[in-house]
Amino acid sequence: MDLVDRVRAIFLAFPEVTERPSHGAPTWFVRDKKSIATLWADGHHDDDFPHLWAAAPLGAQQELIAINPDRYFRPPYVGHRGWVGVRLDGEIAWDELAEIAEDAYRVIAPKSLVAKLDGR
């Protein structure tokens, strides 16, 4: 399974998440409205490496960057909203990426869908 397929499988496992291209990149949405993440498999602008932009809980962006600045970064356009960038070159910690995806979902999804996720 390639990078796009693995990331896709993580996001599409959440209740009422859909995928469609946004700015030419796979992007995941809750109820086809609010985006939760975008995958730049071939890089984007000056970041010429595969990476993901994902919504993040308040303060998580700063914490992740402080813990591992080689893996996490403040992405352009959405970083000011607290989103986090995750480098996907090199070895990928898939469990950690799944946690970031779930956090993104929980930040954006309405409470009823988060309850659905918790009820699994």
PDB file of N, CA and C in Angstrom:
ATOM      1  N   MET A   1       0.853  -1.177   0.000  1.00  0.00           N
ATOM      2  CA  MET A   1       0.000   0.000   0.000  1.00  0.00           C
ATOM      3  C   MET A   1       0.901   1.244   0.000  1.00  0.00           C
ATOM      4  N   ASP A   2       0.614   2.197  -0.865  1.00  0.00           N
ATOM      5  CA  ASP A   2       1.449   3.391  -0.916  1.00  0.00           C
ATOM      6  C   ASP A   2       1.008   4.423   0.120  1.00  0.00           C
ATOM      7  N   LEU A   3       1.748   5.511   0.210  1.00  0.00           N
ATOM      8  CA  LEU A   3       1.509   6.548   1.204  1.00  0.00           C
ATOM      9  C   LEU A   3       0.085   7.082   1.148  1.00  0.00           C
ATOM     10  N   VAL A   4      -0.378   7.452  -0.034  1.00  0.00           N
ATOM     11  CA  VAL A   4      -1.721   8.017  -0.172  1.00  0.00           C
ATOM     12  C   VAL A   4      -2.777   7.018   0.297  1.00  0.00           C
ATOM     13  N   ASP A   5      -2.639   5.777  -0.105  1.00  0.00           N
ATOM     14  CA  ASP A   5      -3.623   4.762   0.294  1.00  0.00           C
ATOM     15  C   ASP A   5      -3.636   4.544   1.803  1.00  0.00           C
ATOM     16  N   ARG A   6      -2.476   4.548   2.430  1.00  0.00           N
ATOM     17  CA  ARG A   6      -2.427   4.330   3.886  1.00  0.00           C
ATOM     18  C   ARG A   6      -3.045   5.501   4.641  1.00  0.00           C
ATOM     19  N   VAL A   7      -2.730   6.722   4.225  1.00  0.00           N
ATOM     20  CA  VAL A   7      -3.302   7.898   4.881  1.00  0.00           C
ATOM     21  C   VAL A   7      -4.804   7.940   4.629  1.00  0.00           C
ATOM     22  N   ARG A   8      -5.206   7.648   3.414  1.00  0.00           N
ATOM     23  CA  ARG A   8      -6.624   7.609   3.055  1.00  0.00           C
ATOM     24  C   ARG A   8      -7.385   6.634   3.963  1.00  0.00           C
ATOM     25  N   ALA A   9      -6.847   5.454   4.172  1.00  0.00           N
ATOM     26  CA  ALA A   9      -7.507   4.441   5.001  1.00  0.00           C
ATOM     27  C   ALA A   9      -7.702   4.940   6.431  1.00  0.00           C
ATOM     28  N   ILE A  10      -6.735   5.681   6.943  1.00  0.00           N
ATOM     29  CA  ILE A  10      -6.858   6.215   8.305  1.00  0.00           C
ATOM     30  C   ILE A  10      -8.030   7.184   8.383  1.00  0.00           C
ATOM     31  N   PHE A  11      -8.081   8.148   7.466  1.00  0.00           N
ATOM     32  CA  PHE A  11      -9.117   9.183   7.543  1.00  0.00           C
ATOM     33  C   PHE A  11     -10.504   8.670   7.186  1.00  0.00           C
ATOM     34  N   LEU A  12     -10.593   7.796   6.199  1.00  0.00           N
ATOM     35  CA  LEU A  12     -11.923   7.321   5.790  1.00  0.00           C
ATOM     36  C   LEU A  12     -12.540   6.349   6.792  1.00  0.00           C
ATOM     37  N   ALA A  13     -11.787   5.955   7.805  1.00  0.00           N
ATOM     38  CA  ALA A  13     -12.328   5.086   8.856  1.00  0.00           C
ATOM     39  C   ALA A  13     -13.184   5.867   9.858  1.00  0.00           C
ATOM     40  N   PHE A  14     -13.108   7.188   9.832  1.00  0.00           N
ATOM     41  CA  PHE A  14     -13.894   7.999  10.761  1.00  0.00           C
ATOM     42  C   PHE A  14     -15.309   8.207  10.230  1.00  0.00           C
ATOM     43  N   PRO A  15     -16.289   8.309  11.144  1.00  0.00           N
ATOM     44  CA  PRO A  15     -17.685   8.496  10.716  1.00  0.00           C
ATOM     45  C   PRO A  15     -17.875   9.751   9.859  1.00  0.00           C
ATOM     46  N   GLU A  16     -18.547   9.551   8.727  1.00  0.00           N
ATOM     47  CA  GLU A  16     -18.968  10.615   7.815  1.00  0.00           C
ATOM     48  C   GLU A  16     -17.826  11.467   7.274  1.00  0.00           C
ATOM     49  N   VAL A  17     -16.673  10.840   7.068  1.00  0.00           N
ATOM     50  CA  VAL A  17     -15.550  11.527   6.427  1.00  0.00           C
ATOM     51  C   VAL A  17     -15.558  11.175   4.949  1.00  0.00           C
ATOM     52  N   THR A  18     -15.344  12.192   4.130  1.00  0.00           N
ATOM     53  CA  THR A  18     -15.262  12.018   2.685  1.00  0.00           C
ATOM     54  C   THR A  18     -13.934  12.598   2.200  1.00  0.00           C
ATOM     55  N   GLU A  19     -13.597  12.258   0.981  1.00  0.00           N
ATOM     56  CA  GLU A  19     -12.356  12.751   0.393  1.00  0.00           C
ATOM     57  C   GLU A  19     -12.663  13.386  -0.956  1.00  0.00           C
ATOM     58  N   ARG A  20     -11.997  14.487  -1.221  1.00  0.00           N
ATOM     59  CA  ARG A  20     -12.014  15.082  -2.550  1.00  0.00           C
ATOM     60  C   ARG A  20     -10.769  15.947  -2.682  1.00  0.00           C
ATOM     61  N   PRO A  21     -10.333  16.173  -3.902  1.00  0.00           N
ATOM     62  CA  PRO A  21      -9.146  17.013  -4.086  1.00  0.00           C
ATOM     63  C   PRO A  21      -9.434  18.464  -3.702  1.00  0.00           C
ATOM     64  N   SER A  22      -8.470  19.084  -3.090  1.00  0.00           N
ATOM     65  CA  SER A  22      -8.510  20.514  -2.818  1.00  0.00           C
ATOM     66  C   SER A  22      -7.128  21.049  -3.140  1.00  0.00           C
ATOM     67  N   HIS A  23      -7.064  22.001  -4.028  1.00  0.00           N
ATOM     68  CA  HIS A  23      -5.784  22.540  -4.489  1.00  0.00           C
ATOM     69  C   HIS A  23      -4.894  21.433  -5.057  1.00  0.00           C
ATOM     70  N   GLY A  24      -5.523  20.438  -5.660  1.00  0.00           N
ATOM     71  CA  GLY A  24      -4.804  19.361  -6.317  1.00  0.00           C
ATOM     72  C   GLY A  24      -4.296  18.258  -5.401  1.00  0.00           C
ATOM     73  N   ALA A  25      -4.693  18.295  -4.134  1.00  0.00           N
ATOM     74  CA  ALA A  25      -4.206  17.291  -3.181  1.00  0.00           C
ATOM     75  C   ALA A  25      -5.379  16.597  -2.497  1.00  0.00           C
ATOM     76  N   PRO A  26      -5.207  15.318  -2.135  1.00  0.00           N
ATOM     77  CA  PRO A  26      -6.267  14.622  -1.403  1.00  0.00           C
ATOM     78  C   PRO A  26      -6.542  15.341  -0.076  1.00  0.00           C
ATOM     79  N   THR A  27      -7.815  15.641   0.141  1.00  0.00           N
ATOM     80  CA  THR A  27      -8.221  16.357   1.350  1.00  0.00           C
ATOM     81  C   THR A  27      -9.431  15.647   1.928  1.00  0.00           C
ATOM     82  N   TRP A  28      -9.471  15.561   3.260  1.00  0.00           N
ATOM     83  CA  TRP A  28     -10.567  14.868   3.928  1.00  0.00           C
ATOM     84  C   TRP A  28     -11.444  15.869   4.645  1.00  0.00           C
ATOM     85  N   PHE A  29     -12.755  15.599   4.570  1.00  0.00           N
ATOM     86  CA  PHE A  29     -13.777  16.500   5.085  1.00  0.00           C
ATOM     87  C   PHE A  29     -14.740  15.738   5.981  1.00  0.00           C
ATOM     88  N   VAL A  30     -15.275  16.439   6.986  1.00  0.00           N
ATOM     89  CA  VAL A  30     -16.342  15.882   7.808  1.00  0.00           C
ATOM     90  C   VAL A  30     -17.651  16.352   7.205  1.00  0.00           C
ATOM     91  N   ARG A  31     -18.527  15.385   6.947  1.00  0.00           N
ATOM     92  CA  ARG A  31     -19.830  15.663   6.319  1.00  0.00           C
ATOM     93  C   ARG A  31     -19.672  16.476   5.038  1.00  0.00           C
ATOM     94  N   ASP A  32     -18.575  16.246   4.344  1.00  0.00           N
ATOM     95  CA  ASP A  32     -18.295  16.869   3.052  1.00  0.00           C
ATOM     96  C   ASP A  32     -18.238  18.393   3.113  1.00  0.00           C
ATOM     97  N   LYS A  33     -18.019  18.944   4.329  1.00  0.00           N
ATOM     98  CA  LYS A  33     -18.013  20.398   4.472  1.00  0.00           C
ATOM     99  C   LYS A  33     -16.713  20.942   5.028  1.00  0.00           C
ATOM    100  N   LYS A  34     -16.345  20.521   6.224  1.00  0.00           N
ATOM    101  CA  LYS A  34     -15.185  21.096   6.904  1.00  0.00           C
ATOM    102  C   LYS A  34     -13.976  20.184   6.742  1.00  0.00           C
ATOM    103  N   SER A  35     -12.893  20.767   6.244  1.00  0.00           N
ATOM    104  CA  SER A  35     -11.694  19.953   6.041  1.00  0.00           C
ATOM    105  C   SER A  35     -11.004  19.666   7.366  1.00  0.00           C
ATOM    106  N   ILE A  36     -10.416  18.454   7.433  1.00  0.00           N
ATOM    107  CA  ILE A  36      -9.670  18.071   8.630  1.00  0.00           C
ATOM    108  C   ILE A  36      -8.197  17.822   8.314  1.00  0.00           C
ATOM    109  N   ALA A  37      -7.875  17.543   7.044  1.00  0.00           N
ATOM    110  CA  ALA A  37      -6.477  17.280   6.687  1.00  0.00           C
ATOM    111  C   ALA A  37      -6.294  17.300   5.178  1.00  0.00           C
ATOM    112  N   THR A  38      -5.069  17.626   4.772  1.00  0.00           N
ATOM    113  CA  THR A  38      -4.666  17.588   3.364  1.00  0.00           C
ATOM    114  C   THR A  38      -3.320  16.889   3.271  1.00  0.00           C
ATOM    115  N   LEU A  39      -3.192  16.009   2.310  1.00  0.00           N
ATOM    116  CA  LEU A  39      -1.948  15.272   2.089  1.00  0.00           C
ATOM    117  C   LEU A  39      -1.240  15.827   0.864  1.00  0.00           C
ATOM    118  N   TRP A  40      -0.015  16.266   1.060  1.00  0.00           N
ATOM    119  CA  TRP A  40       0.829  16.740  -0.030  1.00  0.00           C
ATOM    120  C   TRP A  40       1.873  15.660  -0.279  1.00  0.00           C
ATOM    121  N   ALA A  41       1.499  14.633  -1.003  1.00  0.00           N
ATOM    122  CA  ALA A  41       2.358  13.466  -1.218  1.00  0.00           C
ATOM    123  C   ALA A  41       3.636  13.806  -1.975  1.00  0.00           C
ATOM    124  N   ASP A  42       3.591  14.842  -2.804  1.00  0.00           N
ATOM    125  CA  ASP A  42       4.766  15.247  -3.572  1.00  0.00           C
ATOM    126  C   ASP A  42       5.339  16.567  -3.090  1.00  0.00           C
ATOM    127  N   GLY A  43       4.925  17.004  -1.922  1.00  0.00           N
ATOM    128  CA  GLY A  43       5.379  18.277  -1.383  1.00  0.00           C
ATOM    129  C   GLY A  43       4.486  19.421  -1.849  1.00  0.00           C
ATOM    130  N   HIS A  44       4.746  20.595  -1.272  1.00  0.00           N
ATOM    131  CA  HIS A  44       3.936  21.770  -1.589  1.00  0.00           C
ATOM    132  C   HIS A  44       4.793  23.011  -1.357  1.00  0.00           C
ATOM    133  N   HIS A  45       4.823  23.894  -2.326  1.00  0.00           N
ATOM    134  CA  HIS A  45       5.622  25.123  -2.281  1.00  0.00           C
ATOM    135  C   HIS A  45       7.071  24.797  -1.918  1.00  0.00           C
ATOM    136  N   ASP A  46       7.591  25.407  -0.869  1.00  0.00           N
ATOM    137  CA  ASP A  46       8.993  25.211  -0.501  1.00  0.00           C
ATOM    138  C   ASP A  46       9.232  23.923   0.278  1.00  0.00           C
ATOM    139  N   ASP A  47       8.184  23.249   0.673  1.00  0.00           N
ATOM    140  CA  ASP A  47       8.316  21.997   1.407  1.00  0.00           C
ATOM    141  C   ASP A  47       8.303  20.842   0.405  1.00  0.00           C
ATOM    142  N   ASP A  48       9.472  20.541  -0.134  1.00  0.00           N
ATOM    143  CA  ASP A  48       9.596  19.542  -1.205  1.00  0.00           C
ATOM    144  C   ASP A  48       9.759  18.130  -0.649  1.00  0.00           C
ATOM    145  N   PHE A  49       8.876  17.763   0.234  1.00  0.00           N
ATOM    146  CA  PHE A  49       8.873  16.428   0.828  1.00  0.00           C
ATOM    147  C   PHE A  49       7.421  16.070   1.121  1.00  0.00           C
ATOM    148  N   PRO A  50       7.091  14.796   1.150  1.00  0.00           N
ATOM    149  CA  PRO A  50       5.708  14.421   1.446  1.00  0.00           C
ATOM    150  C   PRO A  50       5.338  14.837   2.873  1.00  0.00           C
ATOM    151  N   HIS A  51       4.141  15.411   3.007  1.00  0.00           N
ATOM    152  CA  HIS A  51       3.698  15.836   4.328  1.00  0.00           C
ATOM    153  C   HIS A  51       2.184  15.976   4.378  1.00  0.00           C
ATOM    154  N   LEU A  52       1.697  16.043   5.601  1.00  0.00           N
ATOM    155  CA  LEU A  52       0.263  16.165   5.880  1.00  0.00           C
ATOM    156  C   LEU A  52       0.040  17.427   6.684  1.00  0.00           C
ATOM    157  N   TRP A  53      -1.020  18.143   6.363  1.00  0.00           N
ATOM    158  CA  TRP A  53      -1.488  19.235   7.209  1.00  0.00           C
ATOM    159  C   TRP A  53      -2.744  18.728   7.884  1.00  0.00           C
ATOM    160  N   ALA A  54      -2.835  18.866   9.210  1.00  0.00           N
ATOM    161  CA  ALA A  54      -4.005  18.364   9.932  1.00  0.00           C
ATOM    162  C   ALA A  54      -4.434  19.350  11.012  1.00  0.00           C
ATOM    163  N   ALA A  55      -5.745  19.443  11.205  1.00  0.00           N
ATOM    164  CA  ALA A  55      -6.268  20.228  12.317  1.00  0.00           C
ATOM    165  C   ALA A  55      -5.705  19.628  13.603  1.00  0.00           C
ATOM    166  N   ALA A  56      -5.537  20.472  14.614  1.00  0.00           N
ATOM    167  CA  ALA A  56      -4.956  19.988  15.864  1.00  0.00           C
ATOM    168  C   ALA A  56      -5.617  20.701  17.040  1.00  0.00           C
ATOM    169  N   PRO A  57      -5.673  20.036  18.182  1.00  0.00           N
ATOM    170  CA  PRO A  57      -6.221  20.682  19.385  1.00  0.00           C
ATOM    171  C   PRO A  57      -5.380  21.891  19.775  1.00  0.00           C
ATOM    172  N   LEU A  58      -5.984  22.791  20.502  1.00  0.00           N
ATOM    173  CA  LEU A  58      -5.322  23.999  20.970  1.00  0.00           C
ATOM    174  C   LEU A  58      -4.013  23.649  21.680  1.00  0.00           C
ATOM    175  N   GLY A  59      -2.922  24.242  21.245  1.00  0.00           N
ATOM    176  CA  GLY A  59      -1.626  24.044  21.856  1.00  0.00           C
ATOM    177  C   GLY A  59      -0.833  22.852  21.338  1.00  0.00           C
ATOM    178  N   ALA A  60      -1.469  21.951  20.615  1.00  0.00           N
ATOM    179  CA  ALA A  60      -0.792  20.738  20.146  1.00  0.00           C
ATOM    180  C   ALA A  60       0.298  21.060  19.132  1.00  0.00           C
ATOM    181  N   GLN A  61       0.033  22.023  18.250  1.00  0.00           N
ATOM    182  CA  GLN A  61       1.031  22.374  17.233  1.00  0.00           C
ATOM    183  C   GLN A  61       2.354  22.754  17.894  1.00  0.00           C
ATOM    184  N   GLN A  62       2.310  23.660  18.852  1.00  0.00           N
ATOM    185  CA  GLN A  62       3.521  24.113  19.520  1.00  0.00           C
ATOM    186  C   GLN A  62       4.196  22.964  20.273  1.00  0.00           C
ATOM    187  N   GLU A  63       3.405  22.146  20.926  1.00  0.00           N
ATOM    188  CA  GLU A  63       3.951  21.027  21.695  1.00  0.00           C
ATOM    189  C   GLU A  63       4.667  20.024  20.784  1.00  0.00           C
ATOM    190  N   LEU A  64       4.020  19.653  19.682  1.00  0.00           N
ATOM    191  CA  LEU A  64       4.623  18.684  18.762  1.00  0.00           C
ATOM    192  C   LEU A  64       5.899  19.221  18.136  1.00  0.00           C
ATOM    193  N   ILE A  65       5.883  20.480  17.738  1.00  0.00           N
ATOM    194  CA  ILE A  65       7.076  21.091  17.141  1.00  0.00           C
ATOM    195  C   ILE A  65       8.210  21.136  18.162  1.00  0.00           C
ATOM    196  N   ALA A  66       7.895  21.465  19.411  1.00  0.00           N
ATOM    197  CA  ALA A  66       8.924  21.519  20.457  1.00  0.00           C
ATOM    198  C   ALA A  66       9.520  20.138  20.719  1.00  0.00           C
ATOM    199  N   ILE A  67       8.684  19.105  20.679  1.00  0.00           N
ATOM    200  CA  ILE A  67       9.147  17.739  20.947  1.00  0.00           C
ATOM    201  C   ILE A  67       9.999  17.203  19.789  1.00  0.00           C
ATOM    202  N   ASN A  68       9.552  17.467  18.541  1.00  0.00           N
ATOM    203  CA  ASN A  68      10.257  16.900  17.394  1.00  0.00           C
ATOM    204  C   ASN A  68      10.185  17.857  16.197  1.00  0.00           C
ATOM    205  N   PRO A  69      11.027  18.894  16.194  1.00  0.00           N
ATOM    206  CA  PRO A  69      10.980  19.868  15.098  1.00  0.00           C
ATOM    207  C   PRO A  69      11.431  19.309  13.746  1.00  0.00           C
ATOM    208  N   ASP A  70      12.050  18.137  13.748  1.00  0.00           N
ATOM    209  CA  ASP A  70      12.431  17.517  12.480  1.00  0.00           C
ATOM    210  C   ASP A  70      11.246  16.812  11.823  1.00  0.00           C
ATOM    211  N   ARG A  71      10.200  16.506  12.585  1.00  0.00           N
ATOM    212  CA  ARG A  71       9.030  15.797  12.068  1.00  0.00           C
ATOM    213  C   ARG A  71       7.825  16.734  11.908  1.00  0.00           C
ATOM    214  N   TYR A  72       7.671  17.684  12.824  1.00  0.00           N
ATOM    215  CA  TYR A  72       6.490  18.552  12.839  1.00  0.00           C
ATOM    216  C   TYR A  72       6.858  19.986  12.503  1.00  0.00           C
ATOM    217  N   PHE A  73       5.914  20.708  11.879  1.00  0.00           N
ATOM    218  CA  PHE A  73       6.147  22.102  11.521  1.00  0.00           C
ATOM    219  C   PHE A  73       4.821  22.847  11.447  1.00  0.00           C
ATOM    220  N   ARG A  74       4.936  24.171  11.414  1.00  0.00           N
ATOM    221  CA  ARG A  74       3.752  25.037  11.279  1.00  0.00           C
ATOM    222  C   ARG A  74       3.510  25.233   9.782  1.00  0.00           C
ATOM    223  N   PRO A  75       2.426  24.662   9.263  1.00  0.00           N
ATOM    224  CA  PRO A  75       2.198  24.753   7.820  1.00  0.00           C
ATOM    225  C   PRO A  75       1.704  26.141   7.403  1.00  0.00           C
ATOM    226  N   PRO A  76       2.016  26.530   6.164  1.00  0.00           N
ATOM    227  CA  PRO A  76       1.501  27.803   5.666  1.00  0.00           C
ATOM    228  C   PRO A  76      -0.025  27.735   5.515  1.00  0.00           C
ATOM    229  N   TYR A  77      -0.646  28.890   5.489  1.00  0.00           N
ATOM    230  CA  TYR A  77      -2.087  29.051   5.256  1.00  0.00           C
ATOM    231  C   TYR A  77      -2.960  28.606   6.428  1.00  0.00           C
ATOM    232  N   VAL A  78      -2.669  27.474   7.039  1.00  0.00           N
ATOM    233  CA  VAL A  78      -3.524  26.950   8.112  1.00  0.00           C
ATOM    234  C   VAL A  78      -2.812  26.880   9.464  1.00  0.00           C
ATOM    235  N   GLY A  79      -1.528  27.131   9.472  1.00  0.00           N
ATOM    236  CA  GLY A  79      -0.765  27.067  10.721  1.00  0.00           C
ATOM    237  C   GLY A  79      -1.233  28.078  11.753  1.00  0.00           C
ATOM    238  N   HIS A  80      -1.670  29.253  11.293  1.00  0.00           N
ATOM    239  CA  HIS A  80      -2.158  30.269  12.230  1.00  0.00           C
ATOM    240  C   HIS A  80      -3.440  29.828  12.942  1.00  0.00           C
ATOM    241  N   ARG A  81      -4.124  28.808  12.399  1.00  0.00           N
ATOM    242  CA  ARG A  81      -5.331  28.262  13.038  1.00  0.00           C
ATOM    243  C   ARG A  81      -4.994  27.087  13.956  1.00  0.00           C
ATOM    244  N   GLY A  82      -3.704  26.812  14.133  1.00  0.00           N
ATOM    245  CA  GLY A  82      -3.288  25.746  15.028  1.00  0.00           C
ATOM    246  C   GLY A  82      -3.042  24.408  14.352  1.00  0.00           C
ATOM    247  N   TRP A  83      -3.253  24.343  13.039  1.00  0.00           N
ATOM    248  CA  TRP A  83      -3.008  23.085  12.328  1.00  0.00           C
ATOM    249  C   TRP A  83      -1.527  22.739  12.413  1.00  0.00           C
ATOM    250  N   VAL A  84      -1.225  21.461  12.290  1.00  0.00           N
ATOM    251  CA  VAL A  84       0.150  20.992  12.362  1.00  0.00           C
ATOM    252  C   VAL A  84       0.543  20.325  11.046  1.00  0.00           C
ATOM    253  N   GLY A  85       1.786  20.531  10.656  1.00  0.00           N
ATOM    254  CA  GLY A  85       2.347  19.846   9.503  1.00  0.00           C
ATOM    255  C   GLY A  85       3.160  18.662   9.987  1.00  0.00           C
ATOM    256  N   VAL A  86       3.031  17.544   9.287  1.00  0.00           N
ATOM    257  CA  VAL A  86       3.747  16.318   9.657  1.00  0.00           C
ATOM    258  C   VAL A  86       4.547  15.844   8.457  1.00  0.00           C
ATOM    259  N   ARG A  87       5.854  15.780   8.604  1.00  0.00           N
ATOM    260  CA  ARG A  87       6.700  15.252   7.527  1.00  0.00           C
ATOM    261  C   ARG A  87       6.444  13.761   7.387  1.00  0.00           C
ATOM    262  N   LEU A  88       6.310  13.303   6.155  1.00  0.00           N
ATOM    263  CA  LEU A  88       6.063  11.889   5.884  1.00  0.00           C
ATOM    264  C   LEU A  88       7.170  11.272   5.032  1.00  0.00           C
ATOM    265  N   ASP A  89       8.335  11.881   5.066  1.00  0.00           N
ATOM    266  CA  ASP A  89       9.487  11.255   4.437  1.00  0.00           C
ATOM    267  C   ASP A  89      10.246  10.505   5.532  1.00  0.00           C
ATOM    268  N   GLY A  90      11.029   9.570   5.152  1.00  0.00           N
ATOM    269  CA  GLY A  90      11.703   8.754   6.160  1.00  0.00           C
ATOM    270  C   GLY A  90      10.732   7.742   6.758  1.00  0.00           C
ATOM    271  N   GLU A  91      11.089   7.235   7.923  1.00  0.00           N
ATOM    272  CA  GLU A  91      10.248   6.237   8.586  1.00  0.00           C
ATOM    273  C   GLU A  91       9.024   6.914   9.203  1.00  0.00           C
ATOM    274  N   ILE A  92       7.856   6.371   8.935  1.00  0.00           N
ATOM    275  CA  ILE A  92       6.602   6.949   9.431  1.00  0.00           C
ATOM    276  C   ILE A  92       6.101   6.136  10.621  1.00  0.00           C
ATOM    277  N   ALA A  93       5.800   6.832  11.694  1.00  0.00           N
ATOM    278  CA  ALA A  93       5.204   6.192  12.867  1.00  0.00           C
ATOM    279  C   ALA A  93       3.694   6.173  12.630  1.00  0.00           C
ATOM    280  N   TRP A  94       3.183   5.094  12.062  1.00  0.00           N
ATOM    281  CA  TRP A  94       1.783   5.034  11.639  1.00  0.00           C
ATOM    282  C   TRP A  94       0.807   5.151  12.809  1.00  0.00           C
ATOM    283  N   ASP A  95       1.145   4.610  13.971  1.00  0.00           N
ATOM    284  CA  ASP A  95       0.271   4.751  15.142  1.00  0.00           C
ATOM    285  C   ASP A  95       0.165   6.218  15.558  1.00  0.00           C
ATOM    286  N   GLU A  96       1.283   6.901  15.515  1.00  0.00           N
ATOM    287  CA  GLU A  96       1.303   8.319  15.859  1.00  0.00           C
ATOM    288  C   GLU A  96       0.503   9.131  14.834  1.00  0.00           C
ATOM    289  N   LEU A  97       0.648   8.799  13.571  1.00  0.00           N
ATOM    290  CA  LEU A  97      -0.107   9.489  12.534  1.00  0.00           C
ATOM    291  C   LEU A  97      -1.608   9.249  12.705  1.00  0.00           C
ATOM    292  N   ALA A  98      -1.982   8.046  13.084  1.00  0.00           N
ATOM    293  CA  ALA A  98      -3.397   7.739  13.341  1.00  0.00           C
ATOM    294  C   ALA A  98      -3.926   8.577  14.509  1.00  0.00           C
ATOM    295  N   GLU A  99      -3.108   8.807  15.521  1.00  0.00           N
ATOM    296  CA  GLU A  99      -3.519   9.650  16.652  1.00  0.00           C
ATOM    297  C   GLU A  99      -3.710  11.100  16.210  1.00  0.00           C
ATOM    298  N   ILE A 100      -2.807  11.584  15.361  1.00  0.00           N
ATOM    299  CA  ILE A 100      -2.937  12.943  14.835  1.00  0.00           C
ATOM    300  C   ILE A 100      -4.209  13.063  14.013  1.00  0.00           C
ATOM    301  N   ALA A 101      -4.503  12.044  13.223  1.00  0.00           N
ATOM    302  CA  ALA A 101      -5.729  12.038  12.414  1.00  0.00           C
ATOM    303  C   ALA A 101      -6.962  12.052  13.315  1.00  0.00           C
ATOM    304  N   GLU A 102      -6.947  11.248  14.365  1.00  0.00           N
ATOM    305  CA  GLU A 102      -8.104  11.223  15.274  1.00  0.00           C
ATOM    306  C   GLU A 102      -8.268  12.560  15.986  1.00  0.00           C
ATOM    307  N   ASP A 103      -7.163  13.164  16.393  1.00  0.00           N
ATOM    308  CA  ASP A 103      -7.246  14.494  17.013  1.00  0.00           C
ATOM    309  C   ASP A 103      -7.852  15.494  16.036  1.00  0.00           C
ATOM    310  N   ALA A 104      -7.421  15.432  14.766  1.00  0.00           N
ATOM    311  CA  ALA A 104      -7.958  16.342  13.750  1.00  0.00           C
ATOM    312  C   ALA A 104      -9.463  16.153  13.616  1.00  0.00           C
ATOM    313  N   TYR A 105      -9.883  14.909  13.587  1.00  0.00           N
ATOM    314  CA  TYR A 105     -11.307  14.607  13.480  1.00  0.00           C
ATOM    315  C   TYR A 105     -12.063  15.181  14.678  1.00  0.00           C
ATOM    316  N   ARG A 106     -11.555  14.948  15.866  1.00  0.00           N
ATOM    317  CA  ARG A 106     -12.224  15.409  17.081  1.00  0.00           C
ATOM    318  C   ARG A 106     -12.319  16.934  17.152  1.00  0.00           C
ATOM    319  N   VAL A 107     -11.337  17.628  16.590  1.00  0.00           N
ATOM    320  CA  VAL A 107     -11.350  19.089  16.592  1.00  0.00           C
ATOM    321  C   VAL A 107     -12.445  19.623  15.667  1.00  0.00           C
ATOM    322  N   ILE A 108     -12.652  18.988  14.534  1.00  0.00           N
ATOM    323  CA  ILE A 108     -13.543  19.510  13.499  1.00  0.00           C
ATOM    324  C   ILE A 108     -14.954  18.912  13.550  1.00  0.00           C
ATOM    325  N   ALA A 109     -15.074  17.640  13.861  1.00  0.00           N
ATOM    326  CA  ALA A 109     -16.374  16.955  13.804  1.00  0.00           C
ATOM    327  C   ALA A 109     -17.335  17.487  14.874  1.00  0.00           C
ATOM    328  N   PRO A 110     -18.627  17.494  14.541  1.00  0.00           N
ATOM    329  CA  PRO A 110     -19.605  17.876  15.562  1.00  0.00           C
ATOM    330  C   PRO A 110     -19.638  16.833  16.688  1.00  0.00           C
ATOM    331  N   LYS A 111     -20.130  17.262  17.843  1.00  0.00           N
ATOM    332  CA  LYS A 111     -20.156  16.390  19.026  1.00  0.00           C
ATOM    333  C   LYS A 111     -20.874  15.071  18.771  1.00  0.00           C
ATOM    334  N   SER A 112     -21.915  15.095  17.954  1.00  0.00           N
ATOM    335  CA  SER A 112     -22.661  13.863  17.689  1.00  0.00           C
ATOM    336  C   SER A 112     -21.796  12.821  16.971  1.00  0.00           C
ATOM    337  N   LEU A 113     -20.917  13.282  16.086  1.00  0.00           N
ATOM    338  CA  LEU A 113     -20.043  12.335  15.385  1.00  0.00           C
ATOM    339  C   LEU A 113     -18.889  11.882  16.281  1.00  0.00           C
ATOM    340  N   VAL A 114     -18.408  12.762  17.149  1.00  0.00           N
ATOM    341  CA  VAL A 114     -17.379  12.341  18.106  1.00  0.00           C
ATOM    342  C   VAL A 114     -17.950  11.287  19.037  1.00  0.00           C
ATOM    343  N   ALA A 115     -19.210  11.445  19.443  1.00  0.00           N
ATOM    344  CA  ALA A 115     -19.865  10.445  20.286  1.00  0.00           C
ATOM    345  C   ALA A 115     -19.989   9.139  19.549  1.00  0.00           C
ATOM    346  N   LYS A 116     -20.274   9.187  18.262  1.00  0.00           N
ATOM    347  CA  LYS A 116     -20.347   7.986  17.438  1.00  0.00           C
ATOM    348  C   LYS A 116     -18.985   7.283  17.396  1.00  0.00           C
ATOM    349  N   LEU A 117     -17.932   8.070  17.264  1.00  0.00           N
ATOM    350  CA  LEU A 117     -16.582   7.521  17.258  1.00  0.00           C
ATOM    351  C   LEU A 117     -16.271   6.872  18.602  1.00  0.00           C
ATOM    352  N   ASP A 118     -16.642   7.508  19.682  1.00  0.00           N
ATOM    353  CA  ASP A 118     -16.378   6.978  21.020  1.00  0.00           C
ATOM    354  C   ASP A 118     -17.191   5.729  21.311  1.00  0.00           C
ATOM    355  N   GLY A 119     -18.327   5.577  20.633  1.00  0.00           N
ATOM    356  CA  GLY A 119     -19.194   4.424  20.858  1.00  0.00           C
ATOM    357  C   GLY A 119     -18.765   3.161  20.138  1.00  0.00           C
ATOM    358  N   ARG A 120     -17.734   3.249  19.326  1.00  0.00           N
ATOM    359  CA  ARG A 120     -17.258   2.079  18.570  1.00  0.00           C
ATOM    360  C   ARG A 120     -16.694   1.029  19.490  1.00  0.00           C
TER     361      ARG A 120
END
